[in-house]
Amino acid sequence: MKPIIVDLKTKKNGQYLETVIIELNTVEKTKELIDRRLSIEEIASARGLTIGTIHSHILKLIDAGVIHISRYVDPKRQEEIEMIFTKYSPKELKPIKDLYPQYSYLELSAVKADLEKANKIGCYE
């Protein structure tokens, strides 16, 4: 069943009515919780999903331009990671993560996706 947003403001005979406003897909539901300033861990727990799944939702939202990369990657760290990807252009993130453990997989993935979207790097096939 898809998550929904329900309006509880409408009253009829002194009772609140549950009126479905909109059905959300899973990524949109994650976005709603992001907007409420929940942490990634809180969102995963609330939704019964893994942190990796929430990361994938965040990447889709960044790619779609719904949220900005700076929400999850500090601009200075983004610049550092961009320089790394310009130098190595890897297909897989694990070698980069092994060389640069100070960056999270979310940071690396978000910057890589942002660069690929802007056609600033190519990746090995």
C-alpha atoms as a PDB file:
ATOM      1  CA  MET A   1       0.000   0.000   0.000  1.00  0.00           C
ATOM      2  CA  LYS A   2       1.317   3.445  -0.899  1.00  0.00           C
ATOM      3  CA  PRO A   3       1.906   5.951   1.912  1.00  0.00           C
ATOM      4  CA  ILE A   4      -0.629   8.772   2.044  1.00  0.00           C
ATOM      5  CA  ILE A   5      -1.046  12.240   3.514  1.00  0.00           C
ATOM      6  CA  VAL A   6      -4.323  12.571   5.346  1.00  0.00           C
ATOM      7  CA  ASP A   7      -6.174  15.797   6.161  1.00  0.00           C
ATOM      8  CA  LEU A   8      -7.668  15.738   9.666  1.00  0.00           C
ATOM      9  CA  LYS A   9      -8.901  19.332   9.668  1.00  0.00           C
ATOM     10  CA  THR A  10     -12.260  18.764   8.061  1.00  0.00           C
ATOM     11  CA  LYS A  11     -15.046  18.239  10.597  1.00  0.00           C
ATOM     12  CA  LYS A  12     -18.444  16.676  10.062  1.00  0.00           C
ATOM     13  CA  ASN A  13     -20.901  16.368  12.940  1.00  0.00           C
ATOM     14  CA  GLY A  14     -18.129  17.340  15.376  1.00  0.00           C
ATOM     15  CA  GLN A  15     -15.828  14.528  14.167  1.00  0.00           C
ATOM     16  CA  TYR A  16     -12.615  14.840  12.222  1.00  0.00           C
ATOM     17  CA  LEU A  17     -12.710  13.166   8.835  1.00  0.00           C
ATOM     18  CA  GLU A  18      -9.706  11.463   7.347  1.00  0.00           C
ATOM     19  CA  THR A  19      -9.535  12.796   3.821  1.00  0.00           C
ATOM     20  CA  VAL A  20      -6.764  11.518   1.579  1.00  0.00           C
ATOM     21  CA  ILE A  21      -5.022  14.504   0.070  1.00  0.00           C
ATOM     22  CA  ILE A  22      -2.397  12.748  -1.992  1.00  0.00           C
ATOM     23  CA  GLU A  23      -0.827   9.327  -2.314  1.00  0.00           C
ATOM     24  CA  LEU A  24       2.935   9.384  -2.222  1.00  0.00           C
ATOM     25  CA  ASN A  25       5.388   6.997  -3.756  1.00  0.00           C
ATOM     26  CA  THR A  26       8.234   5.751  -1.590  1.00  0.00           C
ATOM     27  CA  VAL A  27      10.748   8.429  -2.646  1.00  0.00           C
ATOM     28  CA  GLU A  28       8.184  11.195  -2.071  1.00  0.00           C
ATOM     29  CA  LYS A  29       7.465   9.811   1.398  1.00  0.00           C
ATOM     30  CA  THR A  30      11.176   9.964   2.170  1.00  0.00           C
ATOM     31  CA  LYS A  31      11.215  13.559   0.894  1.00  0.00           C
ATOM     32  CA  GLU A  32       8.365  14.425   3.251  1.00  0.00           C
ATOM     33  CA  LEU A  33      10.395  13.120   6.203  1.00  0.00           C
ATOM     34  CA  ILE A  34      13.510  14.945   4.981  1.00  0.00           C
ATOM     35  CA  ASP A  35      11.453  18.136   4.971  1.00  0.00           C
ATOM     36  CA  ARG A  36      10.566  17.438   8.593  1.00  0.00           C
ATOM     37  CA  ARG A  37      14.323  17.440   9.323  1.00  0.00           C
ATOM     38  CA  LEU A  38      14.526  13.795  10.357  1.00  0.00           C
ATOM     39  CA  SER A  39      17.954  12.189  10.166  1.00  0.00           C
ATOM     40  CA  ILE A  40      18.631   9.421   7.675  1.00  0.00           C
ATOM     41  CA  GLU A  41      18.586   6.908  10.509  1.00  0.00           C
ATOM     42  CA  GLU A  42      15.244   8.235  11.803  1.00  0.00           C
ATOM     43  CA  ILE A  43      13.735   8.103   8.316  1.00  0.00           C
ATOM     44  CA  ALA A  44      14.922   4.519   7.792  1.00  0.00           C
ATOM     45  CA  SER A  45      13.515   3.472  11.166  1.00  0.00           C
ATOM     46  CA  ALA A  46      10.191   5.276  10.668  1.00  0.00           C
ATOM     47  CA  ARG A  47       9.748   3.758   7.215  1.00  0.00           C
ATOM     48  CA  GLY A  48      11.044   0.297   8.055  1.00  0.00           C
ATOM     49  CA  LEU A  49      13.670   0.615   5.320  1.00  0.00           C
ATOM     50  CA  THR A  50      17.438   0.287   5.277  1.00  0.00           C
ATOM     51  CA  ILE A  51      19.758   3.259   5.399  1.00  0.00           C
ATOM     52  CA  GLY A  52      20.982   2.204   1.945  1.00  0.00           C
ATOM     53  CA  THR A  53      17.448   2.484   0.578  1.00  0.00           C
ATOM     54  CA  ILE A  54      17.085   5.970   2.067  1.00  0.00           C
ATOM     55  CA  HIS A  55      20.442   6.890   0.505  1.00  0.00           C
ATOM     56  CA  SER A  56      19.124   5.750  -2.883  1.00  0.00           C
ATOM     57  CA  HIS A  57      16.007   7.907  -2.393  1.00  0.00           C
ATOM     58  CA  ILE A  58      18.192  10.905  -1.522  1.00  0.00           C
ATOM     59  CA  LEU A  59      20.276  10.335  -4.659  1.00  0.00           C
ATOM     60  CA  LYS A  60      17.115  10.212  -6.788  1.00  0.00           C
ATOM     61  CA  LEU A  61      15.896  13.449  -5.200  1.00  0.00           C
ATOM     62  CA  ILE A  62      19.242  15.150  -5.819  1.00  0.00           C
ATOM     63  CA  ASP A  63      19.298  13.876  -9.407  1.00  0.00           C
ATOM     64  CA  ALA A  64      15.766  15.173  -9.968  1.00  0.00           C
ATOM     65  CA  GLY A  65      16.734  18.569  -8.577  1.00  0.00           C
ATOM     66  CA  VAL A  66      14.194  18.265  -5.753  1.00  0.00           C
ATOM     67  CA  ILE A  67      16.846  18.669  -3.069  1.00  0.00           C
ATOM     68  CA  HIS A  68      20.265  20.234  -3.424  1.00  0.00           C
ATOM     69  CA  ILE A  69      23.425  18.197  -2.951  1.00  0.00           C
ATOM     70  CA  SER A  70      24.637  20.684  -0.317  1.00  0.00           C
ATOM     71  CA  ARG A  71      22.004  19.348   2.066  1.00  0.00           C
ATOM     72  CA  TYR A  72      24.073  16.171   2.434  1.00  0.00           C
ATOM     73  CA  VAL A  73      27.523  17.176   1.201  1.00  0.00           C
ATOM     74  CA  ASP A  74      29.384  20.184   2.548  1.00  0.00           C
ATOM     75  CA  PRO A  75      30.500  22.374  -0.400  1.00  0.00           C
ATOM     76  CA  LYS A  76      34.183  22.129   0.597  1.00  0.00           C
ATOM     77  CA  ARG A  77      33.973  18.348   0.821  1.00  0.00           C
ATOM     78  CA  GLN A  78      32.088  18.301  -2.490  1.00  0.00           C
ATOM     79  CA  GLU A  79      34.924  20.194  -4.136  1.00  0.00           C
ATOM     80  CA  GLU A  80      37.489  17.767  -2.672  1.00  0.00           C
ATOM     81  CA  ILE A  81      35.496  14.749  -3.876  1.00  0.00           C
ATOM     82  CA  GLU A  82      35.047  16.291  -7.334  1.00  0.00           C
ATOM     83  CA  MET A  83      38.829  16.575  -7.600  1.00  0.00           C
ATOM     84  CA  ILE A  84      39.175  12.900  -6.630  1.00  0.00           C
ATOM     85  CA  PHE A  85      36.646  11.797  -9.262  1.00  0.00           C
ATOM     86  CA  THR A  86      38.254  13.982 -11.906  1.00  0.00           C
ATOM     87  CA  LYS A  87      41.541  12.236 -11.166  1.00  0.00           C
ATOM     88  CA  TYR A  88      40.284   8.637 -10.974  1.00  0.00           C
ATOM     89  CA  SER A  89      36.913   8.422 -12.811  1.00  0.00           C
ATOM     90  CA  PRO A  90      36.045   5.037 -11.288  1.00  0.00           C
ATOM     91  CA  LYS A  91      32.991   2.982 -12.108  1.00  0.00           C
ATOM     92  CA  GLU A  92      32.831   1.564  -8.571  1.00  0.00           C
ATOM     93  CA  LEU A  93      32.912   3.589  -5.356  1.00  0.00           C
ATOM     94  CA  LYS A  94      34.638   0.996  -3.164  1.00  0.00           C
ATOM     95  CA  PRO A  95      38.187   1.741  -4.393  1.00  0.00           C
ATOM     96  CA  ILE A  96      37.634   5.452  -3.737  1.00  0.00           C
ATOM     97  CA  LYS A  97      36.080   4.740  -0.328  1.00  0.00           C
ATOM     98  CA  ASP A  98      39.089   2.557   0.530  1.00  0.00           C
ATOM     99  CA  LEU A  99      41.520   5.329  -0.483  1.00  0.00           C
ATOM    100  CA  TYR A 100      39.490   8.113   1.145  1.00  0.00           C
ATOM    101  CA  PRO A 101      37.687   6.669   4.188  1.00  0.00           C
ATOM    102  CA  GLN A 102      36.923  10.146   5.516  1.00  0.00           C
ATOM    103  CA  TYR A 103      34.073  10.445   2.990  1.00  0.00           C
ATOM    104  CA  SER A 104      30.798   8.575   3.403  1.00  0.00           C
ATOM    105  CA  TYR A 105      29.285   6.477   0.643  1.00  0.00           C
ATOM    106  CA  LEU A 106      26.419   8.978   0.485  1.00  0.00           C
ATOM    107  CA  GLU A 107      28.830  11.867  -0.084  1.00  0.00           C
ATOM    108  CA  LEU A 108      30.754   9.938  -2.729  1.00  0.00           C
ATOM    109  CA  SER A 109      27.602   8.721  -4.484  1.00  0.00           C
ATOM    110  CA  ALA A 110      25.962  12.137  -4.466  1.00  0.00           C
ATOM    111  CA  VAL A 111      28.999  13.907  -5.890  1.00  0.00           C
ATOM    112  CA  LYS A 112      29.564  11.181  -8.492  1.00  0.00           C
ATOM    113  CA  ALA A 113      25.928  11.389  -9.616  1.00  0.00           C
ATOM    114  CA  ASP A 114      26.082  15.180  -9.693  1.00  0.00           C
ATOM    115  CA  LEU A 115      29.221  15.113 -11.846  1.00  0.00           C
ATOM    116  CA  GLU A 116      27.814  12.487 -14.192  1.00  0.00           C
ATOM    117  CA  LYS A 117      24.620  14.477 -14.564  1.00  0.00           C
ATOM    118  CA  ALA A 118      26.661  17.523 -15.524  1.00  0.00           C
ATOM    119  CA  ASN A 119      28.776  15.322 -17.867  1.00  0.00           C
ATOM    120  CA  LYS A 120      31.909  16.425 -16.041  1.00  0.00           C
ATOM    121  CA  ILE A 121      33.316  12.924 -15.644  1.00  0.00           C
ATOM    122  CA  GLY A 122      33.140   9.652 -17.468  1.00  0.00           C
ATOM    123  CA  CYS A 123      33.241   6.275 -15.813  1.00  0.00           C
ATOM    124  CA  TYR A 124      34.963   3.105 -16.876  1.00  0.00           C
ATOM    125  CA  GLU A 125      32.688   0.551 -18.433  1.00  0.00           C
END
